[in-house]
Amino acid sequence: MPSPIIGRPVSEEVWESVRTEFALPTLEQVRRRLAELMEDTDPVMRQLVRVIGEDTYCPGFQFLPGGQVHPTVASLYRHALELRIAHNYFTVWMITVAHDLNGARPVDSLPRAAQLHRALEGFAAQPPATRRAQLG
């Protein structure tokens, strides 16, 4: 699979890999599921990583088994927004091999929050036309 270059559209092949490995429910499906778990879904809905295509989707890697948002993913996502990394490219970064993580993917390195934040900062510091996501 070719490496997406940040600043260009993410291929359907990448979204299919997210859907296959982690699930990619629509925003409305997530809202309905959260409503089964809690009375006020708004605070959680505001934290969600979303990818925009023909519809709005929520990558499944951000959820804990009980349906809550994974705190490390939420923290990284807030940081990504501060660094002006768009939703879709944050998702791609989460599923790609990162040199700053010794060849691991951020999604597989969630216990190492501080190291993930540094890796995200390194990713953001690259000029947009050179940010390659090394899918592996």
Protein backbone atom coordinates (compact mmCIF):
# COMPACT_ATOMS: atom_id res chain seq x y z
CA MET A 1 0.00 0.00 0.00
CA PRO A 2 1.50 3.39 -0.90
CA SER A 3 2.26 5.75 1.97
CA PRO A 4 -0.23 8.61 2.21
CA ILE A 5 1.34 12.04 2.05
CA ILE A 6 -0.21 14.44 4.49
CA GLY A 7 -1.95 17.22 2.64
CA ARG A 8 -3.42 14.89 0.03
CA PRO A 9 -6.62 12.87 0.30
CA VAL A 10 -6.36 9.63 2.27
CA SER A 11 -7.06 6.64 0.06
CA GLU A 12 -10.08 4.43 0.44
CA GLU A 13 -7.63 1.57 0.97
CA VAL A 14 -6.40 3.21 4.19
CA TRP A 15 -9.95 3.71 5.47
CA GLU A 16 -10.75 0.09 4.65
CA SER A 17 -7.73 -1.03 6.70
CA VAL A 18 -9.02 1.05 9.67
CA ARG A 19 -12.50 -0.42 9.21
CA THR A 20 -11.14 -3.97 9.08
CA GLU A 21 -8.78 -3.75 12.05
CA PHE A 22 -10.61 -1.39 14.43
CA ALA A 23 -14.12 -0.75 13.06
CA LEU A 24 -15.22 2.56 11.61
CA PRO A 25 -18.78 3.23 12.81
CA THR A 26 -20.66 6.32 11.74
CA LEU A 27 -20.98 9.20 14.15
CA GLU A 28 -24.69 8.44 14.51
CA GLN A 29 -24.00 4.78 15.37
CA VAL A 30 -21.55 5.92 18.06
CA ARG A 31 -24.06 8.45 19.41
CA ARG A 32 -26.75 5.74 19.70
CA ARG A 33 -24.33 3.34 21.43
CA LEU A 34 -23.19 5.99 23.90
CA ALA A 35 -26.85 6.86 24.66
CA GLU A 36 -27.27 3.25 25.82
CA LEU A 37 -24.37 3.71 28.25
CA MET A 38 -24.96 7.21 29.61
CA GLU A 39 -27.57 9.90 29.95
CA ASP A 40 -25.50 12.85 28.71
CA THR A 41 -23.43 11.91 25.67
CA ASP A 42 -22.31 15.45 24.80
CA PRO A 43 -19.04 15.49 26.79
CA VAL A 44 -17.90 12.24 25.17
CA MET A 45 -19.10 13.28 21.70
CA ARG A 46 -16.93 16.41 21.91
CA GLN A 47 -13.80 14.26 22.49
CA LEU A 48 -14.22 11.95 19.51
CA VAL A 49 -11.76 11.60 16.69
CA ARG A 50 -13.77 11.85 13.49
CA VAL A 51 -12.91 11.16 9.91
CA ILE A 52 -14.84 12.83 7.20
CA GLY A 53 -15.75 11.15 3.95
CA GLU A 54 -19.18 10.57 2.47
CA ASP A 55 -20.29 10.44 6.10
CA THR A 56 -18.60 11.13 9.45
CA TYR A 57 -16.94 8.11 11.06
CA CYS A 58 -15.25 7.40 14.38
CA PRO A 59 -12.22 5.07 14.33
CA GLY A 60 -12.75 2.23 16.76
CA PHE A 61 -9.22 2.41 18.18
CA GLN A 62 -10.31 5.33 20.36
CA PHE A 63 -12.77 3.30 22.43
CA LEU A 64 -12.18 1.16 25.50
CA PRO A 65 -14.12 -2.13 25.71
CA GLY A 66 -16.85 -0.50 27.84
CA GLY A 67 -17.49 2.20 25.23
CA GLN A 68 -15.65 5.09 26.89
CA VAL A 69 -13.02 7.05 24.98
CA HIS A 70 -9.47 5.86 25.66
CA PRO A 71 -7.86 8.65 27.75
CA THR A 72 -4.51 8.48 25.92
CA VAL A 73 -6.18 8.74 22.51
CA ALA A 74 -8.29 11.68 23.74
CA SER A 75 -5.18 13.41 25.06
CA LEU A 76 -3.26 12.81 21.83
CA TYR A 77 -6.20 14.05 19.80
CA ARG A 78 -6.42 17.31 21.78
CA HIS A 79 -2.68 17.73 21.26
CA ALA A 80 -3.06 17.04 17.52
CA LEU A 81 -5.68 19.78 17.26
CA GLU A 82 -3.34 22.18 19.08
CA LEU A 83 -0.65 21.23 16.55
CA ARG A 84 -3.12 21.84 13.72
CA ILE A 85 -3.14 18.22 12.52
CA ALA A 86 -6.44 17.48 10.81
CA HIS A 87 -8.69 14.66 12.05
CA ASN A 88 -8.09 12.39 9.06
CA TYR A 89 -4.30 12.71 9.24
CA PHE A 90 -4.29 12.14 12.98
CA THR A 91 -6.09 8.87 12.33
CA VAL A 92 -3.56 7.89 9.67
CA TRP A 93 -0.70 8.77 12.06
CA MET A 94 -2.23 6.57 14.76
CA ILE A 95 -2.14 3.47 12.53
CA THR A 96 1.27 3.97 10.95
CA VAL A 97 4.71 2.86 11.95
CA ALA A 98 6.52 5.73 13.67
CA HIS A 99 10.31 5.97 13.69
CA ASP A 100 10.05 7.88 16.99
CA LEU A 101 8.43 4.77 18.48
CA ASN A 102 11.11 2.35 17.30
CA GLY A 103 8.96 1.13 14.44
CA ALA A 104 5.76 0.64 16.46
CA ARG A 105 2.43 2.19 15.58
CA PRO A 106 1.01 4.80 17.98
CA VAL A 107 -2.18 2.75 18.34
CA ASP A 108 -0.05 -0.15 19.65
CA SER A 109 1.90 2.11 22.02
CA LEU A 110 -0.89 3.69 24.09
CA PRO A 111 0.73 2.90 27.48
CA ARG A 112 3.63 5.19 26.45
CA ALA A 113 1.69 8.48 26.46
CA ALA A 114 4.64 10.86 26.94
CA GLN A 115 6.59 9.23 24.11
CA LEU A 116 3.51 9.36 21.88
CA HIS A 117 3.08 13.09 22.49
CA ARG A 118 6.72 13.69 21.52
CA ALA A 119 6.30 11.55 18.39
CA LEU A 120 3.17 13.52 17.46
CA GLU A 121 5.09 16.79 17.88
CA GLY A 122 7.83 15.42 15.63
CA PHE A 123 5.25 14.49 13.03
CA ALA A 124 3.68 17.95 13.19
CA ALA A 125 7.07 19.63 12.83
CA GLN A 126 7.65 18.07 9.40
CA PRO A 127 6.67 20.23 6.42
CA PRO A 128 3.21 19.00 5.27
CA ALA A 129 4.37 17.96 1.82
CA THR A 130 6.99 15.64 3.35
CA ARG A 131 4.95 13.97 6.10
CA ARG A 132 4.70 10.39 4.94
CA ALA A 133 2.71 7.90 6.90
CA GLN A 134 4.67 4.66 6.84
CA LEU A 135 1.89 2.09 6.86
CA GLY A 136 3.09 -1.29 7.88
